[in-house]
Amino acid sequence: MVRRRAPCGGNVTGSSGFILSPNYPHPYPHSKDCDWLIAVHSDYVISLAFISFSIEPNYDFLYIYDGPDSSSHLIGSFQDSKLPEKIESTSNFMYLAFRSDGTVSYTGFHLEYKAKLREACFDPGNVMNGTRMGADYKLGSMVTFHCEAGYLLQGHSTLTCVMGNSKRPEWDRAKPTCQAPCGGHFTGLEGTVLSPNYPHNYTRGQSCVYDIFVPGDF
């Protein structure tokens, strides 16, 4: 009788499934680097539940990332034999990286993933030359953008997560931009003046006038 072995990494698709450490339920091999990419339909996020978990503490690790690769946001680094809580992604991708050293091995892990219909908007990202306030993307939540000194905000500063015409959560407006203006009227004791399109090259054929006014005592 041929005994199938759990693979070391791979691409995982479908609305649900299981991920096992190599050789599970027997101890995983030494010196292994195993990476899994879970991808579901773009209308869904990923819910990951731990059925069993036992990894050598301080030497072997399971890293879980909220996105398609190891450059994505690190959700957590897991070890030891305490069963972690359920994890949920913010997009339709989740990346798992298992690393074992060259000595002791435990029985490893048995995970179950399920695609879950999105109840929140995707991360809107940041704006160049600006900042964002707000990290909750659920329906009804808002994020607000501000520009750095010398830049003007083009568009709406606040976005709200709403249920769109497609019956999926989406932001009610396009993300704004922060642009260095051509000319302007400046007041106050201090401020910043930038050439148009800074820090990129300014465009040809422009004539920009900057009026700067300070109080009469200065």
N, C-alpha and C. Protein backbone atom coordinates (compact mmCIF):
# COMPACT_ATOMS: atom_id res chain seq x y z
N MET A 1 0.84 -1.19 0.00
CA MET A 1 0.00 0.00 0.00
C MET A 1 0.88 1.25 0.00
N VAL A 2 0.62 2.16 -0.92
CA VAL A 2 1.41 3.38 -1.04
C VAL A 2 0.85 4.44 -0.10
N ARG A 3 1.72 5.00 0.74
CA ARG A 3 1.29 6.06 1.66
C ARG A 3 1.65 7.41 1.07
N ARG A 4 0.66 8.26 0.90
CA ARG A 4 0.89 9.58 0.33
C ARG A 4 1.47 10.51 1.39
N ARG A 5 2.41 11.32 0.97
CA ARG A 5 3.03 12.28 1.88
C ARG A 5 2.48 13.68 1.61
N ALA A 6 2.30 14.44 2.67
CA ALA A 6 1.88 15.83 2.51
C ALA A 6 3.01 16.60 1.84
N PRO A 7 2.72 17.38 0.81
CA PRO A 7 3.77 18.07 0.06
C PRO A 7 4.37 19.24 0.84
N CYS A 8 5.56 19.62 0.43
CA CYS A 8 6.25 20.77 1.01
C CYS A 8 5.95 21.98 0.14
N GLY A 9 4.86 22.68 0.46
CA GLY A 9 4.50 23.89 -0.27
C GLY A 9 3.69 23.62 -1.52
N GLY A 10 3.33 24.73 -2.22
CA GLY A 10 2.58 24.63 -3.46
C GLY A 10 1.54 25.73 -3.56
N ASN A 11 0.88 25.80 -4.72
CA ASN A 11 -0.21 26.74 -4.94
C ASN A 11 -1.53 26.06 -4.64
N VAL A 12 -2.33 26.69 -3.79
CA VAL A 12 -3.58 26.10 -3.32
C VAL A 12 -4.74 26.97 -3.81
N THR A 13 -5.68 26.37 -4.53
CA THR A 13 -6.84 27.11 -5.03
C THR A 13 -8.11 26.36 -4.64
N GLY A 14 -9.24 26.95 -4.98
CA GLY A 14 -10.52 26.34 -4.61
C GLY A 14 -11.12 27.08 -3.43
N SER A 15 -12.39 26.82 -3.17
CA SER A 15 -13.11 27.55 -2.13
C SER A 15 -12.80 27.05 -0.73
N SER A 16 -12.19 25.88 -0.60
CA SER A 16 -11.81 25.36 0.72
C SER A 16 -10.78 24.26 0.54
N GLY A 17 -10.10 23.94 1.62
CA GLY A 17 -9.09 22.88 1.53
C GLY A 17 -8.27 22.79 2.80
N PHE A 18 -7.26 21.93 2.77
CA PHE A 18 -6.42 21.69 3.93
C PHE A 18 -4.95 21.87 3.55
N ILE A 19 -4.16 22.32 4.51
CA ILE A 19 -2.72 22.43 4.35
C ILE A 19 -2.07 21.67 5.51
N LEU A 20 -1.15 20.78 5.16
CA LEU A 20 -0.47 19.96 6.15
C LEU A 20 1.03 20.20 6.07
N SER A 21 1.69 20.13 7.22
CA SER A 21 3.15 20.19 7.20
C SER A 21 3.69 18.93 6.54
N PRO A 22 4.88 18.99 5.94
CA PRO A 22 5.43 17.82 5.25
C PRO A 22 5.50 16.60 6.17
N ASN A 23 5.02 15.47 5.65
CA ASN A 23 5.07 14.18 6.35
C ASN A 23 4.02 14.04 7.44
N TYR A 24 3.14 15.06 7.61
CA TYR A 24 2.10 15.00 8.64
C TYR A 24 1.26 13.73 8.48
N PRO A 25 0.87 13.03 9.58
CA PRO A 25 0.98 13.41 11.00
C PRO A 25 2.28 12.98 11.67
N HIS A 26 3.23 12.52 10.88
CA HIS A 26 4.54 12.16 11.43
C HIS A 26 5.41 13.41 11.51
N PRO A 27 6.50 13.37 12.25
CA PRO A 27 7.36 14.56 12.37
C PRO A 27 7.84 15.06 11.01
N TYR A 28 7.85 16.37 10.86
CA TYR A 28 8.31 16.97 9.61
C TYR A 28 9.82 16.81 9.46
N PRO A 29 10.33 16.82 8.23
CA PRO A 29 11.77 16.65 8.00
C PRO A 29 12.57 17.85 8.51
N HIS A 30 13.86 17.63 8.70
CA HIS A 30 14.76 18.71 9.10
C HIS A 30 15.08 19.60 7.90
N SER A 31 15.46 20.84 8.21
CA SER A 31 15.99 21.79 7.21
C SER A 31 15.07 21.95 6.00
N LYS A 32 13.80 22.21 6.27
CA LYS A 32 12.83 22.39 5.20
C LYS A 32 12.40 23.85 5.08
N ASP A 33 12.26 24.30 3.83
CA ASP A 33 11.68 25.61 3.51
C ASP A 33 10.48 25.34 2.61
N CYS A 34 9.28 25.47 3.16
CA CYS A 34 8.06 25.15 2.43
C CYS A 34 7.17 26.38 2.36
N ASP A 35 6.70 26.72 1.17
CA ASP A 35 5.89 27.91 0.96
C ASP A 35 4.59 27.55 0.24
N TRP A 36 3.47 28.05 0.78
CA TRP A 36 2.17 27.83 0.16
C TRP A 36 1.53 29.18 -0.18
N LEU A 37 0.94 29.26 -1.35
CA LEU A 37 0.14 30.42 -1.73
C LEU A 37 -1.30 29.97 -1.86
N ILE A 38 -2.18 30.56 -1.03
CA ILE A 38 -3.61 30.29 -1.11
C ILE A 38 -4.25 31.42 -1.91
N ALA A 39 -5.00 31.08 -2.94
CA ALA A 39 -5.66 32.08 -3.78
C ALA A 39 -7.11 31.66 -4.00
N VAL A 40 -8.04 32.57 -3.69
CA VAL A 40 -9.46 32.32 -3.91
C VAL A 40 -10.01 33.41 -4.82
N HIS A 41 -11.28 33.32 -5.16
CA HIS A 41 -11.91 34.31 -6.05
C HIS A 41 -11.80 35.71 -5.44
N SER A 42 -11.69 36.72 -6.30
CA SER A 42 -11.45 38.08 -5.83
C SER A 42 -12.59 38.66 -5.00
N ASP A 43 -13.77 38.06 -5.03
CA ASP A 43 -14.89 38.53 -4.21
C ASP A 43 -14.82 38.01 -2.78
N TYR A 44 -13.80 37.21 -2.48
CA TYR A 44 -13.73 36.54 -1.18
C TYR A 44 -12.43 36.87 -0.45
N VAL A 45 -12.44 36.65 0.86
CA VAL A 45 -11.23 36.66 1.68
C VAL A 45 -11.02 35.23 2.18
N ILE A 46 -9.94 35.02 2.92
CA ILE A 46 -9.58 33.66 3.36
C ILE A 46 -9.65 33.56 4.87
N SER A 47 -10.37 32.56 5.35
CA SER A 47 -10.44 32.25 6.77
C SER A 47 -9.61 30.99 7.01
N LEU A 48 -8.65 31.08 7.93
CA LEU A 48 -7.72 29.98 8.18
C LEU A 48 -7.87 29.51 9.62
N ALA A 49 -8.19 28.22 9.80
CA ALA A 49 -8.38 27.64 11.13
C ALA A 49 -7.32 26.57 11.38
N PHE A 50 -6.83 26.50 12.62
CA PHE A 50 -5.81 25.53 13.02
C PHE A 50 -6.49 24.33 13.66
N ILE A 51 -6.36 23.16 13.04
CA ILE A 51 -6.93 21.93 13.59
C ILE A 51 -5.97 21.30 14.59
N SER A 52 -4.69 21.25 14.23
CA SER A 52 -3.65 20.81 15.17
C SER A 52 -2.38 21.58 14.85
N PHE A 53 -1.54 21.76 15.88
CA PHE A 53 -0.34 22.58 15.69
C PHE A 53 0.70 22.21 16.73
N SER A 54 1.89 21.81 16.26
CA SER A 54 2.98 21.47 17.17
C SER A 54 4.30 21.64 16.43
N ILE A 55 5.00 22.75 16.73
CA ILE A 55 6.26 23.09 16.07
C ILE A 55 7.31 23.35 17.14
N GLU A 56 8.53 22.92 16.90
CA GLU A 56 9.61 23.12 17.86
C GLU A 56 9.75 24.61 18.18
N PRO A 57 9.61 25.00 19.45
CA PRO A 57 9.69 26.42 19.80
C PRO A 57 11.10 26.98 19.64
N ASN A 58 11.13 28.24 19.18
CA ASN A 58 12.36 29.03 19.05
C ASN A 58 13.27 28.63 17.89
N TYR A 59 12.97 27.53 17.21
CA TYR A 59 13.85 27.09 16.13
C TYR A 59 13.10 26.85 14.81
N ASP A 60 11.87 26.38 14.89
CA ASP A 60 11.06 26.16 13.70
C ASP A 60 9.87 27.13 13.74
N PHE A 61 9.46 27.62 12.55
CA PHE A 61 8.44 28.67 12.52
C PHE A 61 7.50 28.49 11.34
N LEU A 62 6.26 28.94 11.54
CA LEU A 62 5.30 29.09 10.45
C LEU A 62 4.95 30.57 10.37
N TYR A 63 5.32 31.20 9.24
CA TYR A 63 5.02 32.62 9.02
C TYR A 63 3.80 32.71 8.11
N ILE A 64 2.86 33.58 8.47
CA ILE A 64 1.65 33.75 7.68
C ILE A 64 1.53 35.22 7.28
N TYR A 65 1.38 35.46 5.97
CA TYR A 65 1.36 36.81 5.41
C TYR A 65 -0.01 37.11 4.79
N ASP A 66 -0.43 38.34 4.94
CA ASP A 66 -1.72 38.80 4.41
C ASP A 66 -1.52 39.33 3.00
N GLY A 67 -1.35 38.43 2.04
CA GLY A 67 -1.10 38.84 0.67
C GLY A 67 -0.47 37.72 -0.13
N PRO A 68 0.00 38.02 -1.35
CA PRO A 68 0.45 36.97 -2.27
C PRO A 68 1.89 36.51 -2.10
N ASP A 69 2.68 37.16 -1.23
CA ASP A 69 4.08 36.75 -1.08
C ASP A 69 4.62 37.23 0.26
N SER A 70 5.90 36.94 0.51
CA SER A 70 6.50 37.25 1.81
C SER A 70 6.80 38.73 2.01
N SER A 71 6.58 39.55 0.98
CA SER A 71 6.71 41.00 1.16
C SER A 71 5.41 41.62 1.65
N SER A 72 4.35 40.83 1.74
CA SER A 72 3.06 41.32 2.24
C SER A 72 3.12 41.48 3.76
N HIS A 73 2.06 42.06 4.31
CA HIS A 73 1.99 42.28 5.76
C HIS A 73 2.06 40.95 6.50
N LEU A 74 2.96 40.87 7.50
CA LEU A 74 3.10 39.65 8.30
C LEU A 74 1.99 39.61 9.36
N ILE A 75 1.11 38.62 9.24
CA ILE A 75 0.05 38.45 10.23
C ILE A 75 0.62 37.92 11.54
N GLY A 76 1.53 36.94 11.43
CA GLY A 76 2.11 36.39 12.65
C GLY A 76 3.16 35.34 12.36
N SER A 77 4.00 35.09 13.38
CA SER A 77 5.01 34.05 13.34
C SER A 77 4.66 33.05 14.44
N PHE A 78 4.40 31.78 14.06
CA PHE A 78 3.82 30.82 14.99
C PHE A 78 4.79 29.67 15.26
N GLN A 79 4.80 29.21 16.52
CA GLN A 79 5.67 28.13 16.96
C GLN A 79 5.04 27.49 18.19
N ASP A 80 5.73 26.49 18.77
CA ASP A 80 5.29 25.81 19.99
C ASP A 80 4.04 24.96 19.71
N SER A 81 3.31 24.59 20.76
CA SER A 81 2.18 23.68 20.61
C SER A 81 0.84 24.30 21.01
N LYS A 82 0.83 25.61 21.22
CA LYS A 82 -0.43 26.28 21.52
C LYS A 82 -1.19 26.53 20.23
N LEU A 83 -2.46 26.12 20.21
CA LEU A 83 -3.26 26.24 19.00
C LEU A 83 -3.60 27.71 18.75
N PRO A 84 -3.14 28.30 17.64
CA PRO A 84 -3.44 29.71 17.37
C PRO A 84 -4.92 29.94 17.09
N GLU A 85 -5.33 31.20 17.25
CA GLU A 85 -6.70 31.59 16.94
C GLU A 85 -6.91 31.59 15.42
N LYS A 86 -8.18 31.61 15.02
CA LYS A 86 -8.51 31.67 13.59
C LYS A 86 -7.97 32.97 12.99
N ILE A 87 -7.51 32.91 11.75
CA ILE A 87 -6.92 34.05 11.06
C ILE A 87 -7.75 34.36 9.82
N GLU A 88 -7.90 35.65 9.50
CA GLU A 88 -8.65 36.04 8.30
C GLU A 88 -7.84 37.06 7.52
N SER A 89 -7.77 36.88 6.22
CA SER A 89 -7.03 37.80 5.36
C SER A 89 -7.89 39.02 5.05
N THR A 90 -7.25 40.04 4.47
CA THR A 90 -7.99 41.22 4.01
C THR A 90 -8.14 41.22 2.49
N SER A 91 -7.54 40.23 1.83
CA SER A 91 -7.66 40.11 0.37
C SER A 91 -7.91 38.65 0.03
N ASN A 92 -7.86 38.32 -1.24
CA ASN A 92 -8.11 36.94 -1.66
C ASN A 92 -6.83 36.11 -1.74
N PHE A 93 -5.75 36.60 -1.12
CA PHE A 93 -4.49 35.87 -1.09
C PHE A 93 -4.00 35.71 0.35
N MET A 94 -3.33 34.58 0.60
CA MET A 94 -2.63 34.38 1.86
C MET A 94 -1.39 33.53 1.57
N TYR A 95 -0.27 33.92 2.18
CA TYR A 95 1.00 33.25 1.91
C TYR A 95 1.54 32.65 3.21
N LEU A 96 1.90 31.37 3.17
CA LEU A 96 2.41 30.66 4.34
C LEU A 96 3.84 30.19 4.06
N ALA A 97 4.73 30.41 5.02
CA ALA A 97 6.12 29.98 4.88
C ALA A 97 6.52 29.19 6.13
N PHE A 98 6.88 27.92 5.94
CA PHE A 98 7.30 27.06 7.04
C PHE A 98 8.80 26.85 6.96
N ARG A 99 9.49 27.01 8.11
CA ARG A 99 10.93 26.85 8.17
C ARG A 99 11.30 25.94 9.34
N SER A 100 12.05 24.87 9.04
CA SER A 100 12.53 23.97 10.11
C SER A 100 14.06 23.95 10.10
N ASP A 101 14.64 23.76 11.28
CA ASP A 101 16.10 23.72 11.37
C ASP A 101 16.60 22.29 11.19
N GLY A 102 17.86 22.06 11.52
CA GLY A 102 18.47 20.77 11.22
C GLY A 102 18.46 19.76 12.33
N THR A 103 17.69 20.00 13.41
CA THR A 103 17.73 19.05 14.52
C THR A 103 16.34 18.51 14.86
N VAL A 104 15.72 19.02 15.92
CA VAL A 104 14.49 18.43 16.46
C VAL A 104 13.30 18.70 15.55
N SER A 105 12.41 17.70 15.42
CA SER A 105 11.18 17.86 14.65
C SER A 105 9.97 17.48 15.50
N TYR A 106 8.87 18.24 15.35
CA TYR A 106 7.61 17.92 15.99
C TYR A 106 6.64 17.40 14.92
N THR A 107 5.39 17.18 15.31
CA THR A 107 4.43 16.60 14.36
C THR A 107 3.94 17.62 13.32
N GLY A 108 4.10 18.92 13.59
CA GLY A 108 3.75 19.91 12.58
C GLY A 108 2.33 20.44 12.73
N PHE A 109 1.67 20.66 11.59
CA PHE A 109 0.37 21.35 11.65
C PHE A 109 -0.60 20.80 10.62
N HIS A 110 -1.87 21.00 10.94
CA HIS A 110 -2.99 20.64 10.08
C HIS A 110 -3.93 21.85 10.07
N LEU A 111 -4.03 22.51 8.92
CA LEU A 111 -4.81 23.75 8.80
C LEU A 111 -5.95 23.55 7.81
N GLU A 112 -7.03 24.28 8.03
CA GLU A 112 -8.15 24.29 7.09
C GLU A 112 -8.43 25.73 6.67
N TYR A 113 -8.53 25.95 5.36
CA TYR A 113 -8.88 27.28 4.87
C TYR A 113 -10.24 27.24 4.18
N LYS A 114 -10.95 28.37 4.25
CA LYS A 114 -12.24 28.51 3.57
C LYS A 114 -12.34 29.90 2.97
N ALA A 115 -12.91 29.98 1.79
CA ALA A 115 -13.19 31.28 1.18
C ALA A 115 -14.43 31.87 1.85
N LYS A 116 -14.33 33.13 2.22
CA LYS A 116 -15.43 33.81 2.92
C LYS A 116 -15.77 35.08 2.16
N LEU A 117 -17.06 35.28 1.90
CA LEU A 117 -17.49 36.45 1.14
C LEU A 117 -17.03 37.73 1.83
N ARG A 118 -16.46 38.62 1.06
CA ARG A 118 -15.93 39.86 1.63
C ARG A 118 -17.02 40.68 2.31
N GLU A 119 -16.70 41.18 3.51
CA GLU A 119 -17.60 42.08 4.23
C GLU A 119 -16.93 43.43 4.45
N ALA A 120 -15.85 43.67 3.71
CA ALA A 120 -15.11 44.92 3.86
C ALA A 120 -14.50 45.30 2.53
N CYS A 121 -14.11 46.56 2.41
CA CYS A 121 -13.41 47.03 1.22
C CYS A 121 -11.95 46.59 1.28
N PHE A 122 -11.31 46.58 0.13
CA PHE A 122 -9.88 46.30 0.10
C PHE A 122 -9.12 47.50 0.66
N ASP A 123 -7.91 47.25 1.10
CA ASP A 123 -7.03 48.32 1.58
C ASP A 123 -6.86 49.34 0.46
N PRO A 124 -7.22 50.62 0.70
CA PRO A 124 -7.12 51.61 -0.38
C PRO A 124 -5.69 52.06 -0.66
N GLY A 125 -4.76 51.70 0.23
CA GLY A 125 -3.38 52.11 0.05
C GLY A 125 -3.15 53.54 0.52
N ASN A 126 -1.96 54.04 0.30
CA ASN A 126 -1.59 55.39 0.69
C ASN A 126 -1.50 56.29 -0.53
N VAL A 127 -1.30 57.57 -0.31
CA VAL A 127 -1.10 58.51 -1.40
C VAL A 127 0.33 59.02 -1.35
N MET A 128 0.93 59.21 -2.51
CA MET A 128 2.27 59.77 -2.57
C MET A 128 2.23 61.21 -2.07
N ASN A 129 3.20 61.58 -1.26
CA ASN A 129 3.31 62.92 -0.69
C ASN A 129 2.18 63.23 0.29
N GLY A 130 1.65 62.18 0.91
CA GLY A 130 0.57 62.39 1.87
C GLY A 130 0.50 61.27 2.88
N THR A 131 -0.48 61.35 3.76
CA THR A 131 -0.70 60.34 4.79
C THR A 131 -2.17 59.93 4.81
N ARG A 132 -2.44 58.81 5.46
CA ARG A 132 -3.81 58.32 5.57
C ARG A 132 -4.14 58.06 7.03
N MET A 133 -5.35 58.41 7.44
CA MET A 133 -5.86 58.09 8.77
C MET A 133 -7.02 57.12 8.62
N GLY A 134 -6.98 56.05 9.41
CA GLY A 134 -8.04 55.04 9.34
C GLY A 134 -7.50 53.72 8.83
N ALA A 135 -7.75 52.64 9.59
CA ALA A 135 -7.28 51.31 9.20
C ALA A 135 -8.39 50.28 9.26
N ASP A 136 -9.64 50.73 9.38
CA ASP A 136 -10.80 49.83 9.39
C ASP A 136 -11.49 49.95 8.04
N TYR A 137 -11.66 48.82 7.35
CA TYR A 137 -12.21 48.85 5.99
C TYR A 137 -13.59 48.21 5.91
N LYS A 138 -14.24 47.99 7.05
CA LYS A 138 -15.56 47.37 7.04
C LYS A 138 -16.61 48.34 6.51
N LEU A 139 -17.76 47.81 6.13
CA LEU A 139 -18.84 48.65 5.61
C LEU A 139 -19.17 49.77 6.58
N GLY A 140 -19.26 50.99 6.07
CA GLY A 140 -19.55 52.16 6.88
C GLY A 140 -18.32 52.85 7.43
N SER A 141 -17.16 52.21 7.34
CA SER A 141 -15.93 52.82 7.86
C SER A 141 -15.39 53.86 6.88
N MET A 142 -14.62 54.80 7.41
CA MET A 142 -14.06 55.87 6.59
C MET A 142 -12.55 55.95 6.76
N VAL A 143 -11.88 56.36 5.69
CA VAL A 143 -10.46 56.68 5.75
C VAL A 143 -10.30 58.10 5.20
N THR A 144 -9.35 58.84 5.77
CA THR A 144 -9.14 60.24 5.38
C THR A 144 -7.68 60.46 5.01
N PHE A 145 -7.47 61.19 3.93
CA PHE A 145 -6.13 61.46 3.43
C PHE A 145 -5.76 62.92 3.66
N HIS A 146 -4.49 63.15 3.97
CA HIS A 146 -3.95 64.49 4.15
C HIS A 146 -2.65 64.61 3.35
N CYS A 147 -2.38 65.80 2.85
CA CYS A 147 -1.17 66.03 2.06
C CYS A 147 -0.07 66.64 2.93
N GLU A 148 1.16 66.37 2.55
CA GLU A 148 2.30 66.97 3.22
C GLU A 148 2.39 68.45 2.87
N ALA A 149 3.19 69.19 3.64
CA ALA A 149 3.32 70.63 3.44
C ALA A 149 3.75 70.95 2.01
N GLY A 150 3.08 71.92 1.40
CA GLY A 150 3.41 72.34 0.05
C GLY A 150 2.58 71.68 -1.03
N TYR A 151 1.82 70.65 -0.69
CA TYR A 151 1.01 69.93 -1.66
C TYR A 151 -0.48 70.24 -1.44
N LEU A 152 -1.23 70.20 -2.53
CA LEU A 152 -2.68 70.38 -2.47
C LEU A 152 -3.37 69.06 -2.79
N LEU A 153 -4.43 68.77 -2.06
CA LEU A 153 -5.17 67.53 -2.27
C LEU A 153 -6.12 67.69 -3.45
N GLN A 154 -6.03 66.78 -4.40
CA GLN A 154 -6.90 66.76 -5.57
C GLN A 154 -7.90 65.62 -5.42
N GLY A 155 -9.19 65.96 -5.33
CA GLY A 155 -10.22 64.95 -5.12
C GLY A 155 -10.82 65.09 -3.74
N HIS A 156 -11.47 64.04 -3.28
CA HIS A 156 -12.12 64.05 -1.96
C HIS A 156 -11.18 63.46 -0.92
N SER A 157 -11.09 64.12 0.22
CA SER A 157 -10.16 63.68 1.26
C SER A 157 -10.64 62.44 2.00
N THR A 158 -11.96 62.22 2.07
CA THR A 158 -12.51 61.11 2.85
C THR A 158 -13.25 60.12 1.95
N LEU A 159 -12.94 58.84 2.14
CA LEU A 159 -13.61 57.76 1.43
C LEU A 159 -14.40 56.92 2.42
N THR A 160 -15.57 56.43 2.01
CA THR A 160 -16.41 55.59 2.85
C THR A 160 -16.64 54.25 2.18
N CYS A 161 -16.53 53.18 2.95
CA CYS A 161 -16.78 51.84 2.41
C CYS A 161 -18.28 51.60 2.36
N VAL A 162 -18.81 51.38 1.15
CA VAL A 162 -20.25 51.19 0.96
C VAL A 162 -20.48 49.92 0.14
N MET A 163 -21.73 49.47 0.10
CA MET A 163 -22.10 48.35 -0.75
C MET A 163 -22.38 48.91 -2.14
N GLY A 164 -21.56 48.52 -3.11
CA GLY A 164 -21.66 49.07 -4.45
C GLY A 164 -22.77 48.45 -5.28
N ASN A 165 -22.90 48.94 -6.50
CA ASN A 165 -23.92 48.42 -7.41
C ASN A 165 -23.71 46.95 -7.74
N SER A 166 -22.46 46.51 -7.62
CA SER A 166 -22.13 45.11 -7.90
C SER A 166 -22.45 44.20 -6.72
N LYS A 167 -23.03 44.79 -5.64
CA LYS A 167 -23.35 44.05 -4.42
C LYS A 167 -22.10 43.57 -3.70
N ARG A 168 -21.01 44.30 -3.89
CA ARG A 168 -19.76 44.03 -3.19
C ARG A 168 -19.30 45.30 -2.50
N PRO A 169 -18.62 45.19 -1.36
CA PRO A 169 -18.11 46.40 -0.70
C PRO A 169 -17.10 47.12 -1.58
N GLU A 170 -17.21 48.43 -1.66
CA GLU A 170 -16.26 49.23 -2.43
C GLU A 170 -16.24 50.65 -1.88
N TRP A 171 -15.16 51.37 -2.16
CA TRP A 171 -15.04 52.76 -1.71
C TRP A 171 -15.93 53.64 -2.58
N ASP A 172 -16.57 54.63 -1.95
CA ASP A 172 -17.56 55.44 -2.66
C ASP A 172 -16.93 56.47 -3.60
N ARG A 173 -15.63 56.69 -3.48
CA ARG A 173 -14.96 57.66 -4.35
C ARG A 173 -13.57 57.14 -4.72
N ALA A 174 -13.00 57.74 -5.74
CA ALA A 174 -11.63 57.41 -6.12
C ALA A 174 -10.66 57.99 -5.09
N LYS A 175 -9.54 57.34 -4.92
CA LYS A 175 -8.53 57.83 -3.98
C LYS A 175 -7.95 59.15 -4.50
N PRO A 176 -7.78 60.16 -3.62
CA PRO A 176 -7.25 61.45 -4.07
C PRO A 176 -5.76 61.38 -4.34
N THR A 177 -5.22 62.48 -4.83
CA THR A 177 -3.78 62.61 -5.03
C THR A 177 -3.31 63.90 -4.37
N CYS A 178 -2.02 63.99 -4.14
CA CYS A 178 -1.41 65.20 -3.58
C CYS A 178 -0.46 65.78 -4.63
N GLN A 179 -0.76 66.98 -5.10
CA GLN A 179 0.00 67.59 -6.18
C GLN A 179 0.62 68.91 -5.73
N ALA A 180 1.85 69.15 -6.18
CA ALA A 180 2.47 70.45 -5.95
C ALA A 180 1.90 71.44 -6.97
N PRO A 181 1.27 72.54 -6.54
CA PRO A 181 0.58 73.43 -7.47
C PRO A 181 1.54 74.35 -8.23
N CYS A 182 1.04 74.87 -9.33
CA CYS A 182 1.76 75.89 -10.09
C CYS A 182 1.30 77.25 -9.58
N GLY A 183 2.08 77.84 -8.68
CA GLY A 183 1.72 79.13 -8.11
C GLY A 183 0.75 79.00 -6.95
N GLY A 184 0.46 80.17 -6.34
CA GLY A 184 -0.48 80.16 -5.23
C GLY A 184 -0.28 81.35 -4.32
N HIS A 185 -1.16 81.44 -3.34
CA HIS A 185 -1.17 82.54 -2.38
C HIS A 185 -0.83 81.96 -1.02
N PHE A 186 0.27 82.39 -0.41
CA PHE A 186 0.76 81.80 0.83
C PHE A 186 0.79 82.85 1.93
N THR A 187 0.28 82.50 3.09
CA THR A 187 0.30 83.38 4.26
C THR A 187 0.80 82.60 5.46
N GLY A 188 1.06 83.31 6.55
CA GLY A 188 1.52 82.65 7.76
C GLY A 188 2.99 82.90 8.00
N LEU A 189 3.46 82.48 9.17
CA LEU A 189 4.84 82.73 9.56
C LEU A 189 5.83 81.80 8.86
N GLU A 190 5.37 80.66 8.41
CA GLU A 190 6.26 79.73 7.71
C GLU A 190 5.44 78.82 6.81
N GLY A 191 6.11 78.19 5.88
CA GLY A 191 5.41 77.30 4.96
C GLY A 191 6.38 76.68 3.98
N THR A 192 5.85 75.97 3.01
CA THR A 192 6.66 75.27 2.02
C THR A 192 6.16 75.62 0.63
N VAL A 193 7.09 75.94 -0.26
CA VAL A 193 6.76 76.23 -1.66
C VAL A 193 7.50 75.22 -2.53
N LEU A 194 6.77 74.57 -3.42
CA LEU A 194 7.35 73.54 -4.27
C LEU A 194 7.12 73.88 -5.74
N SER A 195 8.04 73.46 -6.59
CA SER A 195 7.83 73.60 -8.02
C SER A 195 6.76 72.61 -8.47
N PRO A 196 6.04 72.90 -9.55
CA PRO A 196 4.96 72.00 -9.99
C PRO A 196 5.46 70.57 -10.22
N ASN A 197 4.69 69.62 -9.72
CA ASN A 197 4.95 68.20 -9.90
C ASN A 197 6.12 67.68 -9.07
N TYR A 198 6.67 68.52 -8.18
CA TYR A 198 7.78 68.08 -7.33
C TYR A 198 7.39 66.84 -6.53
N PRO A 199 8.27 65.83 -6.36
CA PRO A 199 9.71 65.80 -6.68
C PRO A 199 10.03 65.35 -8.10
N HIS A 200 9.00 65.21 -8.95
CA HIS A 200 9.25 64.85 -10.34
C HIS A 200 9.55 66.12 -11.15
N ASN A 201 9.91 65.93 -12.40
CA ASN A 201 10.24 67.06 -13.26
C ASN A 201 9.02 67.94 -13.49
N TYR A 202 9.22 69.25 -13.48
CA TYR A 202 8.12 70.14 -13.83
C TYR A 202 7.91 70.11 -15.35
N THR A 203 6.70 70.43 -15.78
CA THR A 203 6.38 70.39 -17.20
C THR A 203 6.78 71.69 -17.89
N ARG A 204 6.95 71.61 -19.18
CA ARG A 204 7.37 72.78 -19.96
C ARG A 204 6.22 73.77 -20.15
N GLY A 205 6.60 74.99 -20.46
CA GLY A 205 5.62 76.01 -20.84
C GLY A 205 4.76 76.52 -19.72
N GLN A 206 5.21 76.43 -18.49
CA GLN A 206 4.41 76.91 -17.36
C GLN A 206 4.96 78.25 -16.85
N SER A 207 4.07 79.07 -16.37
CA SER A 207 4.44 80.33 -15.73
C SER A 207 3.73 80.37 -14.38
N CYS A 208 4.47 80.18 -13.31
CA CYS A 208 3.88 80.03 -11.98
C CYS A 208 4.27 81.22 -11.10
N VAL A 209 3.29 81.84 -10.48
CA VAL A 209 3.53 82.98 -9.61
C VAL A 209 3.13 82.59 -8.19
N TYR A 210 4.05 82.82 -7.25
CA TYR A 210 3.80 82.49 -5.85
C TYR A 210 3.80 83.79 -5.05
N ASP A 211 2.67 84.13 -4.46
CA ASP A 211 2.56 85.31 -3.60
C ASP A 211 2.68 84.88 -2.15
N ILE A 212 3.68 85.43 -1.45
CA ILE A 212 3.92 85.07 -0.06
C ILE A 212 3.72 86.32 0.80
N PHE A 213 2.83 86.24 1.78
CA PHE A 213 2.54 87.36 2.67
C PHE A 213 2.76 86.93 4.12
N VAL A 214 3.47 87.77 4.86
CA VAL A 214 3.67 87.53 6.29
C VAL A 214 3.16 88.76 7.04
N PRO A 215 2.92 88.66 8.35
CA PRO A 215 2.44 89.83 9.11
C PRO A 215 3.38 91.02 8.98
N GLY A 216 2.82 92.22 9.13
CA GLY A 216 3.58 93.45 8.92
C GLY A 216 4.75 93.64 9.84
N ASP A 217 4.78 92.97 10.97
CA ASP A 217 5.89 93.11 11.91
C ASP A 217 7.13 92.34 11.47
N PHE A 218 7.04 91.63 10.36
CA PHE A 218 8.17 90.81 9.91
C PHE A 218 8.68 91.29 8.56
